[in-house]
């Protein structure tokens, strides 16, 4: 079974209520099992809800800054560091450059490095180490100024 076929199956399962799928094809067996997790977000301290702008930017913070949201490109487990003994890649206040590794999302035993889309400063880390993340789930807010 090709990797593209597996990715397509995973994407199809994300939009359905199916939690387990098992396929046998040309002597290969594939079993995908999914558990639904509820993710808790901190309540906003803003009076009004930020409005999303095209390109993943958010407007409406207290200082009226535009923050760039970095989302998870895949479903997996979020890791803030290379290993349990290593310091986190970034924390609030860390200055980052475009292409810099912010975290790792483990999916299907593969460690996927998530990189910054922009230069700036980490304004908020939205996920705790070791927690599952969904496709498109916000991971970081970056202040590009």
C-alpha atoms as a PDB file:
ATOM      1  CA  UNK A   1       0.000   0.000   0.000  1.00  0.00           C
ATOM      2  CA  UNK A   2       1.426   3.398  -1.000  1.00  0.00           C
ATOM      3  CA  UNK A   3       1.998   6.212   1.512  1.00  0.00           C
ATOM      4  CA  UNK A   4      -0.303   8.518  -0.490  1.00  0.00           C
ATOM      5  CA  UNK A   5      -3.132   5.974  -0.192  1.00  0.00           C
ATOM      6  CA  UNK A   6      -2.627   5.787   3.581  1.00  0.00           C
ATOM      7  CA  UNK A   7      -2.629   9.595   3.888  1.00  0.00           C
ATOM      8  CA  UNK A   8      -5.850   9.791   1.860  1.00  0.00           C
ATOM      9  CA  UNK A   9      -7.505   7.214   4.127  1.00  0.00           C
ATOM     10  CA  UNK A  10      -6.473   9.147   7.231  1.00  0.00           C
ATOM     11  CA  UNK A  11      -7.878  12.386   5.779  1.00  0.00           C
ATOM     12  CA  UNK A  12     -11.173  10.656   4.944  1.00  0.00           C
ATOM     13  CA  UNK A  13     -11.438   9.260   8.479  1.00  0.00           C
ATOM     14  CA  UNK A  14     -10.898  12.693  10.043  1.00  0.00           C
ATOM     15  CA  UNK A  15     -14.193  13.926   8.624  1.00  0.00           C
ATOM     16  CA  UNK A  16     -16.217  10.868   9.644  1.00  0.00           C
ATOM     17  CA  UNK A  17     -17.425   9.179  12.823  1.00  0.00           C
ATOM     18  CA  UNK A  18     -15.529   5.974  11.984  1.00  0.00           C
ATOM     19  CA  UNK A  19     -13.030   5.151  14.738  1.00  0.00           C
ATOM     20  CA  UNK A  20     -11.435   1.989  13.356  1.00  0.00           C
ATOM     21  CA  UNK A  21     -10.619   0.758   9.856  1.00  0.00           C
ATOM     22  CA  UNK A  22      -8.832  -2.433   8.796  1.00  0.00           C
ATOM     23  CA  UNK A  23      -7.833  -3.114   5.169  1.00  0.00           C
ATOM     24  CA  UNK A  24      -6.063  -6.046   3.504  1.00  0.00           C
ATOM     25  CA  UNK A  25      -4.679  -5.334   0.031  1.00  0.00           C
ATOM     26  CA  UNK A  26      -2.145  -7.290  -2.006  1.00  0.00           C
ATOM     27  CA  UNK A  27      -0.817  -9.154   1.021  1.00  0.00           C
ATOM     28  CA  UNK A  28      -0.489  -6.009   3.140  1.00  0.00           C
ATOM     29  CA  UNK A  29      -2.594  -5.305   6.205  1.00  0.00           C
ATOM     30  CA  UNK A  30      -3.383  -1.834   7.493  1.00  0.00           C
ATOM     31  CA  UNK A  31      -5.294  -1.022  10.666  1.00  0.00           C
ATOM     32  CA  UNK A  32      -6.120   2.578  11.589  1.00  0.00           C
ATOM     33  CA  UNK A  33      -7.658   3.255  14.982  1.00  0.00           C
ATOM     34  CA  UNK A  34      -8.668   6.701  16.113  1.00  0.00           C
ATOM     35  CA  UNK A  35      -9.740   7.991  19.496  1.00  0.00           C
ATOM     36  CA  UNK A  36     -11.522  11.292  19.870  1.00  0.00           C
ATOM     37  CA  UNK A  37      -9.918  13.706  22.307  1.00  0.00           C
ATOM     38  CA  UNK A  38     -11.382  16.888  23.678  1.00  0.00           C
ATOM     39  CA  UNK A  39      -8.865  19.720  23.667  1.00  0.00           C
ATOM     40  CA  UNK A  40      -9.226  22.400  26.303  1.00  0.00           C
ATOM     41  CA  UNK A  41      -8.412  25.961  25.352  1.00  0.00           C
ATOM     42  CA  UNK A  42      -7.819  28.761  27.816  1.00  0.00           C
ATOM     43  CA  UNK A  43     -10.571  31.364  27.769  1.00  0.00           C
ATOM     44  CA  UNK A  44      -9.625  34.533  25.957  1.00  0.00           C
ATOM     45  CA  UNK A  45      -8.740  37.565  28.037  1.00  0.00           C
ATOM     46  CA  UNK A  46      -9.907  39.822  25.206  1.00  0.00           C
ATOM     47  CA  UNK A  47     -13.234  41.610  25.273  1.00  0.00           C
ATOM     48  CA  UNK A  48     -13.960  40.619  21.684  1.00  0.00           C
ATOM     49  CA  UNK A  49     -13.108  37.387  19.911  1.00  0.00           C
ATOM     50  CA  UNK A  50     -10.119  37.761  17.532  1.00  0.00           C
ATOM     51  CA  UNK A  51     -11.052  37.797  13.884  1.00  0.00           C
ATOM     52  CA  UNK A  52      -9.084  35.479  11.624  1.00  0.00           C
ATOM     53  CA  UNK A  53      -7.533  37.075   8.583  1.00  0.00           C
ATOM     54  CA  UNK A  54      -6.385  35.344   5.398  1.00  0.00           C
ATOM     55  CA  UNK A  55      -2.957  33.763   5.787  1.00  0.00           C
ATOM     56  CA  UNK A  56      -3.470  32.551   9.359  1.00  0.00           C
ATOM     57  CA  UNK A  57      -3.125  35.988  10.971  1.00  0.00           C
ATOM     58  CA  UNK A  58      -5.264  37.051  13.918  1.00  0.00           C
ATOM     59  CA  UNK A  59      -6.308  40.575  14.797  1.00  0.00           C
ATOM     60  CA  UNK A  60      -7.907  42.079  17.878  1.00  0.00           C
ATOM     61  CA  UNK A  61      -5.447  41.579  20.741  1.00  0.00           C
ATOM     62  CA  UNK A  62      -5.230  44.057  23.590  1.00  0.00           C
ATOM     63  CA  UNK A  63      -2.381  45.993  21.941  1.00  0.00           C
ATOM     64  CA  UNK A  64      -4.151  45.638  18.552  1.00  0.00           C
ATOM     65  CA  UNK A  65      -1.292  43.489  17.258  1.00  0.00           C
ATOM     66  CA  UNK A  66      -1.566  41.054  14.377  1.00  0.00           C
ATOM     67  CA  UNK A  67      -0.493  37.578  15.525  1.00  0.00           C
ATOM     68  CA  UNK A  68       0.397  34.745  13.178  1.00  0.00           C
ATOM     69  CA  UNK A  69      -1.134  31.388  14.087  1.00  0.00           C
ATOM     70  CA  UNK A  70       0.901  28.232  13.445  1.00  0.00           C
ATOM     71  CA  UNK A  71      -1.418  25.227  12.987  1.00  0.00           C
ATOM     72  CA  UNK A  72      -0.683  21.511  13.048  1.00  0.00           C
ATOM     73  CA  UNK A  73      -0.418  20.176   9.489  1.00  0.00           C
ATOM     74  CA  UNK A  74      -1.149  16.611  10.675  1.00  0.00           C
ATOM     75  CA  UNK A  75      -2.832  14.557  13.373  1.00  0.00           C
ATOM     76  CA  UNK A  76      -0.413  13.277  15.994  1.00  0.00           C
ATOM     77  CA  UNK A  77       1.210  13.806  19.374  1.00  0.00           C
ATOM     78  CA  UNK A  78       2.776  17.214  20.131  1.00  0.00           C
ATOM     79  CA  UNK A  79       6.300  17.284  21.572  1.00  0.00           C
ATOM     80  CA  UNK A  80       7.937  20.549  22.626  1.00  0.00           C
ATOM     81  CA  UNK A  81      11.500  19.133  22.614  1.00  0.00           C
ATOM     82  CA  UNK A  82      13.718  16.709  20.697  1.00  0.00           C
ATOM     83  CA  UNK A  83      13.767  14.323  23.677  1.00  0.00           C
ATOM     84  CA  UNK A  84      12.464  14.286  27.264  1.00  0.00           C
ATOM     85  CA  UNK A  85      15.886  15.415  28.532  1.00  0.00           C
ATOM     86  CA  UNK A  86      16.211  18.273  25.994  1.00  0.00           C
ATOM     87  CA  UNK A  87      14.981  21.825  26.584  1.00  0.00           C
ATOM     88  CA  UNK A  88      11.908  22.907  24.571  1.00  0.00           C
ATOM     89  CA  UNK A  89      12.533  24.196  21.049  1.00  0.00           C
ATOM     90  CA  UNK A  90      10.690  27.437  21.948  1.00  0.00           C
ATOM     91  CA  UNK A  91       8.910  29.052  24.888  1.00  0.00           C
ATOM     92  CA  UNK A  92       6.896  32.246  25.259  1.00  0.00           C
ATOM     93  CA  UNK A  93       9.222  35.150  24.449  1.00  0.00           C
ATOM     94  CA  UNK A  94      11.569  33.137  22.212  1.00  0.00           C
ATOM     95  CA  UNK A  95      12.580  34.996  19.050  1.00  0.00           C
ATOM     96  CA  UNK A  96      12.131  32.771  15.988  1.00  0.00           C
ATOM     97  CA  UNK A  97      13.041  33.001  12.323  1.00  0.00           C
ATOM     98  CA  UNK A  98      11.195  31.650   9.315  1.00  0.00           C
ATOM     99  CA  UNK A  99      12.003  27.942   8.942  1.00  0.00           C
ATOM    100  CA  UNK A 100      13.078  27.476  12.566  1.00  0.00           C
ATOM    101  CA  UNK A 101      11.790  24.283  14.227  1.00  0.00           C
ATOM    102  CA  UNK A 102       9.089  25.068  16.801  1.00  0.00           C
ATOM    103  CA  UNK A 103       8.046  21.548  17.847  1.00  0.00           C
ATOM    104  CA  UNK A 104       7.624  17.953  16.713  1.00  0.00           C
ATOM    105  CA  UNK A 105       4.353  16.194  15.914  1.00  0.00           C
ATOM    106  CA  UNK A 106       4.655  12.407  15.958  1.00  0.00           C
ATOM    107  CA  UNK A 107       2.379  10.660  13.488  1.00  0.00           C
ATOM    108  CA  UNK A 108       2.549   6.951  12.680  1.00  0.00           C
ATOM    109  CA  UNK A 109       5.959   6.610  14.399  1.00  0.00           C
ATOM    110  CA  UNK A 110       7.379   9.455  12.268  1.00  0.00           C
ATOM    111  CA  UNK A 111       8.717  12.589  13.928  1.00  0.00           C
ATOM    112  CA  UNK A 112       7.584  15.623  11.889  1.00  0.00           C
ATOM    113  CA  UNK A 113       9.348  18.918  12.624  1.00  0.00           C
ATOM    114  CA  UNK A 114       6.950  21.876  12.548  1.00  0.00           C
ATOM    115  CA  UNK A 115       8.665  25.060  11.381  1.00  0.00           C
ATOM    116  CA  UNK A 116       7.826  28.738  11.759  1.00  0.00           C
ATOM    117  CA  UNK A 117       6.132  30.449   8.809  1.00  0.00           C
ATOM    118  CA  UNK A 118       7.459  33.854   9.827  1.00  0.00           C
ATOM    119  CA  UNK A 119      10.035  35.778  11.839  1.00  0.00           C
ATOM    120  CA  UNK A 120       8.868  37.038  15.224  1.00  0.00           C
ATOM    121  CA  UNK A 121       8.455  36.261  18.905  1.00  0.00           C
ATOM    122  CA  UNK A 122       6.439  33.406  20.418  1.00  0.00           C
ATOM    123  CA  UNK A 123       3.432  35.097  22.045  1.00  0.00           C
ATOM    124  CA  UNK A 124       1.654  31.936  23.211  1.00  0.00           C
ATOM    125  CA  UNK A 125       2.129  28.158  23.178  1.00  0.00           C
ATOM    126  CA  UNK A 126      -1.363  26.652  22.838  1.00  0.00           C
ATOM    127  CA  UNK A 127      -0.621  22.927  23.382  1.00  0.00           C
ATOM    128  CA  UNK A 128       0.927  21.018  26.279  1.00  0.00           C
ATOM    129  CA  UNK A 129       3.795  18.584  25.737  1.00  0.00           C
ATOM    130  CA  UNK A 130       2.677  15.022  25.016  1.00  0.00           C
ATOM    131  CA  UNK A 131      -0.922  15.920  24.127  1.00  0.00           C
ATOM    132  CA  UNK A 132      -2.646  14.804  20.921  1.00  0.00           C
ATOM    133  CA  UNK A 133      -3.302  17.399  18.206  1.00  0.00           C
ATOM    134  CA  UNK A 134      -5.744  17.415  15.305  1.00  0.00           C
ATOM    135  CA  UNK A 135      -5.156  18.551  11.733  1.00  0.00           C
ATOM    136  CA  UNK A 136      -5.406  22.361  11.642  1.00  0.00           C
ATOM    137  CA  UNK A 137      -5.322  22.745  15.436  1.00  0.00           C
ATOM    138  CA  UNK A 138      -3.550  25.956  16.539  1.00  0.00           C
ATOM    139  CA  UNK A 139      -0.161  25.282  18.153  1.00  0.00           C
ATOM    140  CA  UNK A 140       1.480  28.712  18.518  1.00  0.00           C
ATOM    141  CA  UNK A 141       0.765  32.420  18.227  1.00  0.00           C
ATOM    142  CA  UNK A 142       3.705  34.457  16.908  1.00  0.00           C
ATOM    143  CA  UNK A 143       4.059  38.236  17.120  1.00  0.00           C
ATOM    144  CA  UNK A 144       5.755  39.205  13.842  1.00  0.00           C
ATOM    145  CA  UNK A 145       6.771  42.713  15.018  1.00  0.00           C
END
